């Protein structure tokens, strides 16, 4: 495993395909980083499926309402339509580009609607720049993300087995 320089701002995400390490960007999106860490520490992301995975674009997950396997509201047909019980976040758009491995918040057409869902870019996606809140960057395990099963929706989807803040691991 790569050396973790800032454990409080590093996520270790174990997926059904393997381990991924994400460096958080609290300097770029402090509110979004705080939300990701809050939900991670609550175990909200554990068991959540990758519900929307588009070849040469991105893998989306984080629907802790409808996408959490074993959760009270788990519904594969609705995965991607829910969020957490926390309020939506104010946009924190930045000049940080959407490149391979970028972790960014999903949202509706309302810029201030990000909640719990996020995506990881397979490739550079410059058309997303300054329109979505970038909160992290995969620093290890992009080859794992590349193996996530594709689909819209995904049949028999891969999932997040566990997600931890490195300082807690």
C-alpha atoms as a PDB file:
ATOM      1  CA  UNK A   1       0.000   0.000   0.000  1.00  0.00           C
ATOM      2  CA  UNK A   2       1.180   3.525  -0.751  1.00  0.00           C
ATOM      3  CA  UNK A   3       2.390   5.603   2.156  1.00  0.00           C
ATOM      4  CA  UNK A   4      -0.481   7.610   3.608  1.00  0.00           C
ATOM      5  CA  UNK A   5       0.764  11.115   4.377  1.00  0.00           C
ATOM      6  CA  UNK A   6      -2.452  12.539   5.883  1.00  0.00           C
ATOM      7  CA  UNK A   7      -4.546   9.734   7.467  1.00  0.00           C
ATOM      8  CA  UNK A   8      -7.324  12.132   8.518  1.00  0.00           C
ATOM      9  CA  UNK A   9      -7.785  13.129   4.868  1.00  0.00           C
ATOM     10  CA  UNK A  10      -7.423   9.723   3.234  1.00  0.00           C
ATOM     11  CA  UNK A  11     -10.179   7.199   2.515  1.00  0.00           C
ATOM     12  CA  UNK A  12      -9.588   3.468   2.223  1.00  0.00           C
ATOM     13  CA  UNK A  13     -12.391   1.969   0.150  1.00  0.00           C
ATOM     14  CA  UNK A  14     -12.570  -1.810  -0.061  1.00  0.00           C
ATOM     15  CA  UNK A  15     -14.696  -2.822  -3.061  1.00  0.00           C
ATOM     16  CA  UNK A  16     -15.836  -6.207  -4.326  1.00  0.00           C
ATOM     17  CA  UNK A  17     -12.922  -5.895  -6.793  1.00  0.00           C
ATOM     18  CA  UNK A  18     -10.214  -4.778  -4.306  1.00  0.00           C
ATOM     19  CA  UNK A  19      -8.807  -1.851  -2.345  1.00  0.00           C
ATOM     20  CA  UNK A  20      -8.798   1.792  -3.466  1.00  0.00           C
ATOM     21  CA  UNK A  21      -7.086   4.671  -1.644  1.00  0.00           C
ATOM     22  CA  UNK A  22      -8.476   8.182  -2.085  1.00  0.00           C
ATOM     23  CA  UNK A  23      -6.694  11.387  -1.010  1.00  0.00           C
ATOM     24  CA  UNK A  24      -9.278  13.922   0.135  1.00  0.00           C
ATOM     25  CA  UNK A  25      -9.107  17.594  -0.886  1.00  0.00           C
ATOM     26  CA  UNK A  26     -10.326  19.618   2.117  1.00  0.00           C
ATOM     27  CA  UNK A  27      -8.634  22.720   0.667  1.00  0.00           C
ATOM     28  CA  UNK A  28     -10.810  22.448  -2.471  1.00  0.00           C
ATOM     29  CA  UNK A  29     -14.193  21.302  -1.072  1.00  0.00           C
ATOM     30  CA  UNK A  30     -14.212  21.422   2.743  1.00  0.00           C
ATOM     31  CA  UNK A  31     -17.973  20.888   3.092  1.00  0.00           C
ATOM     32  CA  UNK A  32     -18.001  17.895   0.744  1.00  0.00           C
ATOM     33  CA  UNK A  33     -14.938  16.331   2.391  1.00  0.00           C
ATOM     34  CA  UNK A  34     -16.609  16.749   5.793  1.00  0.00           C
ATOM     35  CA  UNK A  35     -19.770  15.013   4.470  1.00  0.00           C
ATOM     36  CA  UNK A  36     -17.810  12.130   2.898  1.00  0.00           C
ATOM     37  CA  UNK A  37     -15.916  11.606   6.174  1.00  0.00           C
ATOM     38  CA  UNK A  38     -19.119  11.879   8.251  1.00  0.00           C
ATOM     39  CA  UNK A  39     -20.958   9.268   6.169  1.00  0.00           C
ATOM     40  CA  UNK A  40     -17.847   7.064   6.037  1.00  0.00           C
ATOM     41  CA  UNK A  41     -17.480   7.139   9.823  1.00  0.00           C
ATOM     42  CA  UNK A  42     -21.170   6.243  10.213  1.00  0.00           C
ATOM     43  CA  UNK A  43     -20.637   3.181   7.981  1.00  0.00           C
ATOM     44  CA  UNK A  44     -23.210   4.595   5.560  1.00  0.00           C
ATOM     45  CA  UNK A  45     -21.228   3.632   2.445  1.00  0.00           C
ATOM     46  CA  UNK A  46     -20.571   0.025   3.524  1.00  0.00           C
ATOM     47  CA  UNK A  47     -22.527  -2.258   1.178  1.00  0.00           C
ATOM     48  CA  UNK A  48     -23.491   0.482  -1.306  1.00  0.00           C
ATOM     49  CA  UNK A  49     -23.570  -0.604  -4.964  1.00  0.00           C
ATOM     50  CA  UNK A  50     -22.013   1.061  -8.000  1.00  0.00           C
ATOM     51  CA  UNK A  51     -25.368   1.717  -9.682  1.00  0.00           C
ATOM     52  CA  UNK A  52     -24.296   3.668 -12.785  1.00  0.00           C
ATOM     53  CA  UNK A  53     -21.027   2.795 -14.506  1.00  0.00           C
ATOM     54  CA  UNK A  54     -20.354   4.176 -17.981  1.00  0.00           C
ATOM     55  CA  UNK A  55     -17.429   2.932 -20.088  1.00  0.00           C
ATOM     56  CA  UNK A  56     -14.790   5.626 -20.775  1.00  0.00           C
ATOM     57  CA  UNK A  57     -16.536   8.016 -18.359  1.00  0.00           C
ATOM     58  CA  UNK A  58     -17.164   7.185 -14.694  1.00  0.00           C
ATOM     59  CA  UNK A  59     -18.365   4.829 -11.941  1.00  0.00           C
ATOM     60  CA  UNK A  60     -21.118   6.239  -9.698  1.00  0.00           C
ATOM     61  CA  UNK A  61     -22.028   5.045  -6.204  1.00  0.00           C
ATOM     62  CA  UNK A  62     -22.994   6.481  -2.837  1.00  0.00           C
ATOM     63  CA  UNK A  63     -26.786   6.141  -2.747  1.00  0.00           C
ATOM     64  CA  UNK A  64     -26.933   5.228   0.944  1.00  0.00           C
ATOM     65  CA  UNK A  65     -30.755   5.229   0.860  1.00  0.00           C
ATOM     66  CA  UNK A  66     -31.680   2.889  -2.027  1.00  0.00           C
ATOM     67  CA  UNK A  67     -28.257   1.495  -2.959  1.00  0.00           C
ATOM     68  CA  UNK A  68     -27.162  -0.017   0.360  1.00  0.00           C
ATOM     69  CA  UNK A  69     -27.376  -3.805   0.212  1.00  0.00           C
ATOM     70  CA  UNK A  70     -29.018  -5.086   3.377  1.00  0.00           C
ATOM     71  CA  UNK A  71     -30.315  -1.608   4.213  1.00  0.00           C
ATOM     72  CA  UNK A  72     -33.976  -1.058   5.120  1.00  0.00           C
ATOM     73  CA  UNK A  73     -34.738   0.808   1.865  1.00  0.00           C
ATOM     74  CA  UNK A  74     -32.465  -1.172  -0.505  1.00  0.00           C
ATOM     75  CA  UNK A  75     -34.089  -1.210  -3.937  1.00  0.00           C
ATOM     76  CA  UNK A  76     -31.873  -1.979  -6.955  1.00  0.00           C
ATOM     77  CA  UNK A  77     -34.472  -0.394  -9.230  1.00  0.00           C
ATOM     78  CA  UNK A  78     -34.276   2.898  -7.334  1.00  0.00           C
ATOM     79  CA  UNK A  79     -30.504   2.927  -6.659  1.00  0.00           C
ATOM     80  CA  UNK A  80     -29.258   6.315  -7.781  1.00  0.00           C
ATOM     81  CA  UNK A  81     -32.443   8.157  -6.787  1.00  0.00           C
ATOM     82  CA  UNK A  82     -31.658   8.576  -3.089  1.00  0.00           C
ATOM     83  CA  UNK A  83     -29.234  10.179  -0.711  1.00  0.00           C
ATOM     84  CA  UNK A  84     -28.673  10.392   3.007  1.00  0.00           C
ATOM     85  CA  UNK A  85     -30.902  11.874   5.694  1.00  0.00           C
ATOM     86  CA  UNK A  86     -28.550  14.878   5.843  1.00  0.00           C
ATOM     87  CA  UNK A  87     -29.265  18.184   4.088  1.00  0.00           C
ATOM     88  CA  UNK A  88     -27.997  18.752   0.552  1.00  0.00           C
ATOM     89  CA  UNK A  89     -24.671  20.525   0.206  1.00  0.00           C
ATOM     90  CA  UNK A  90     -23.900  23.949  -1.220  1.00  0.00           C
ATOM     91  CA  UNK A  91     -21.818  23.611  -4.390  1.00  0.00           C
ATOM     92  CA  UNK A  92     -18.047  23.954  -4.002  1.00  0.00           C
ATOM     93  CA  UNK A  93     -17.048  24.203  -7.646  1.00  0.00           C
ATOM     94  CA  UNK A  94     -13.342  24.762  -8.267  1.00  0.00           C
ATOM     95  CA  UNK A  95     -10.690  24.901 -10.959  1.00  0.00           C
ATOM     96  CA  UNK A  96      -9.585  21.371  -9.982  1.00  0.00           C
ATOM     97  CA  UNK A  97      -9.969  19.412 -13.245  1.00  0.00           C
ATOM     98  CA  UNK A  98     -11.910  16.175 -13.686  1.00  0.00           C
ATOM     99  CA  UNK A  99      -9.119  13.797 -14.732  1.00  0.00           C
ATOM    100  CA  UNK A 100      -8.663  10.046 -14.435  1.00  0.00           C
ATOM    101  CA  UNK A 101      -9.204   9.116 -10.780  1.00  0.00           C
ATOM    102  CA  UNK A 102     -11.021  12.306  -9.772  1.00  0.00           C
ATOM    103  CA  UNK A 103     -13.708  11.797  -7.107  1.00  0.00           C
ATOM    104  CA  UNK A 104     -16.568  14.257  -7.467  1.00  0.00           C
ATOM    105  CA  UNK A 105     -20.091  14.619  -6.086  1.00  0.00           C
ATOM    106  CA  UNK A 106     -23.103  13.640  -8.151  1.00  0.00           C
ATOM    107  CA  UNK A 107     -26.046  16.037  -8.151  1.00  0.00           C
ATOM    108  CA  UNK A 108     -29.268  16.874  -9.941  1.00  0.00           C
ATOM    109  CA  UNK A 109     -29.582  19.918 -12.210  1.00  0.00           C
ATOM    110  CA  UNK A 110     -29.648  22.036  -9.045  1.00  0.00           C
ATOM    111  CA  UNK A 111     -25.979  22.894  -8.319  1.00  0.00           C
ATOM    112  CA  UNK A 112     -26.694  22.754  -4.563  1.00  0.00           C
ATOM    113  CA  UNK A 113     -28.187  19.241  -4.554  1.00  0.00           C
ATOM    114  CA  UNK A 114     -25.149  17.030  -3.833  1.00  0.00           C
ATOM    115  CA  UNK A 115     -25.790  14.781  -0.827  1.00  0.00           C
ATOM    116  CA  UNK A 116     -24.107  11.358  -0.604  1.00  0.00           C
ATOM    117  CA  UNK A 117     -23.664  10.091  -4.162  1.00  0.00           C
ATOM    118  CA  UNK A 118     -20.326  10.437  -5.889  1.00  0.00           C
ATOM    119  CA  UNK A 119     -18.477   9.266  -8.966  1.00  0.00           C
ATOM    120  CA  UNK A 120     -14.925   8.377  -9.907  1.00  0.00           C
ATOM    121  CA  UNK A 121     -13.714   9.315 -13.397  1.00  0.00           C
ATOM    122  CA  UNK A 122     -12.242   6.550 -15.590  1.00  0.00           C
ATOM    123  CA  UNK A 123     -10.869   9.158 -17.998  1.00  0.00           C
ATOM    124  CA  UNK A 124     -10.468  12.919 -18.239  1.00  0.00           C
ATOM    125  CA  UNK A 125     -13.884  14.616 -18.354  1.00  0.00           C
ATOM    126  CA  UNK A 126     -13.177  18.333 -18.915  1.00  0.00           C
ATOM    127  CA  UNK A 127     -16.850  19.125 -19.660  1.00  0.00           C
ATOM    128  CA  UNK A 128     -17.523  18.542 -15.937  1.00  0.00           C
ATOM    129  CA  UNK A 129     -14.950  21.108 -14.799  1.00  0.00           C
ATOM    130  CA  UNK A 130     -16.312  23.899 -12.579  1.00  0.00           C
ATOM    131  CA  UNK A 131     -19.781  22.249 -12.602  1.00  0.00           C
ATOM    132  CA  UNK A 132     -19.319  19.476 -10.013  1.00  0.00           C
ATOM    133  CA  UNK A 133     -17.621  19.546  -6.613  1.00  0.00           C
ATOM    134  CA  UNK A 134     -14.299  17.666  -6.701  1.00  0.00           C
ATOM    135  CA  UNK A 135     -13.475  16.262  -3.252  1.00  0.00           C
ATOM    136  CA  UNK A 136     -10.767  13.657  -3.817  1.00  0.00           C
ATOM    137  CA  UNK A 137      -8.335  11.814  -6.067  1.00  0.00           C
ATOM    138  CA  UNK A 138      -7.630   8.089  -6.307  1.00  0.00           C
ATOM    139  CA  UNK A 139      -3.951   7.669  -5.382  1.00  0.00           C
ATOM    140  CA  UNK A 140      -3.917   3.877  -5.406  1.00  0.00           C
ATOM    141  CA  UNK A 141      -6.187   1.275  -6.981  1.00  0.00           C
ATOM    142  CA  UNK A 142      -7.415   2.864 -10.226  1.00  0.00           C
ATOM    143  CA  UNK A 143      -6.874  -0.584 -11.798  1.00  0.00           C
ATOM    144  CA  UNK A 144      -9.516  -1.781  -9.297  1.00  0.00           C
ATOM    145  CA  UNK A 145     -11.972   0.960 -10.340  1.00  0.00           C
ATOM    146  CA  UNK A 146     -11.331  -0.011 -13.983  1.00  0.00           C
ATOM    147  CA  UNK A 147     -12.707  -3.500 -13.190  1.00  0.00           C
ATOM    148  CA  UNK A 148     -16.074  -2.273 -11.809  1.00  0.00           C
ATOM    149  CA  UNK A 149     -18.937  -3.864 -13.765  1.00  0.00           C
ATOM    150  CA  UNK A 150     -20.505  -1.498 -16.339  1.00  0.00           C
ATOM    151  CA  UNK A 151     -24.156  -0.680 -16.871  1.00  0.00           C
ATOM    152  CA  UNK A 152     -26.951   1.872 -16.545  1.00  0.00           C
ATOM    153  CA  UNK A 153     -28.296   0.317 -14.370  1.00  0.00           C
ATOM    154  CA  UNK A 154     -25.689  -2.326 -13.553  1.00  0.00           C
ATOM    155  CA  UNK A 155     -26.908  -5.948 -13.364  1.00  0.00           C
ATOM    156  CA  UNK A 156     -25.491  -7.724 -10.307  1.00  0.00           C
ATOM    157  CA  UNK A 157     -23.425  -4.615  -9.432  1.00  0.00           C
ATOM    158  CA  UNK A 158     -20.101  -4.375  -7.654  1.00  0.00           C
ATOM    159  CA  UNK A 159     -20.203  -2.552  -4.335  1.00  0.00           C
ATOM    160  CA  UNK A 160     -18.266  -0.828  -1.597  1.00  0.00           C
ATOM    161  CA  UNK A 161     -17.561  -3.552   0.971  1.00  0.00           C
ATOM    162  CA  UNK A 162     -16.254  -1.035   3.510  1.00  0.00           C
ATOM    163  CA  UNK A 163     -15.100   2.553   3.492  1.00  0.00           C
ATOM    164  CA  UNK A 164     -12.896   3.964   6.271  1.00  0.00           C
ATOM    165  CA  UNK A 165     -11.047   7.160   7.067  1.00  0.00           C
ATOM    166  CA  UNK A 166      -7.395   5.974   7.222  1.00  0.00           C
ATOM    167  CA  UNK A 167      -6.955   7.593  10.660  1.00  0.00           C
ATOM    168  CA  UNK A 168      -9.639   5.177  11.971  1.00  0.00           C
ATOM    169  CA  UNK A 169      -8.391   2.048  10.187  1.00  0.00           C
END
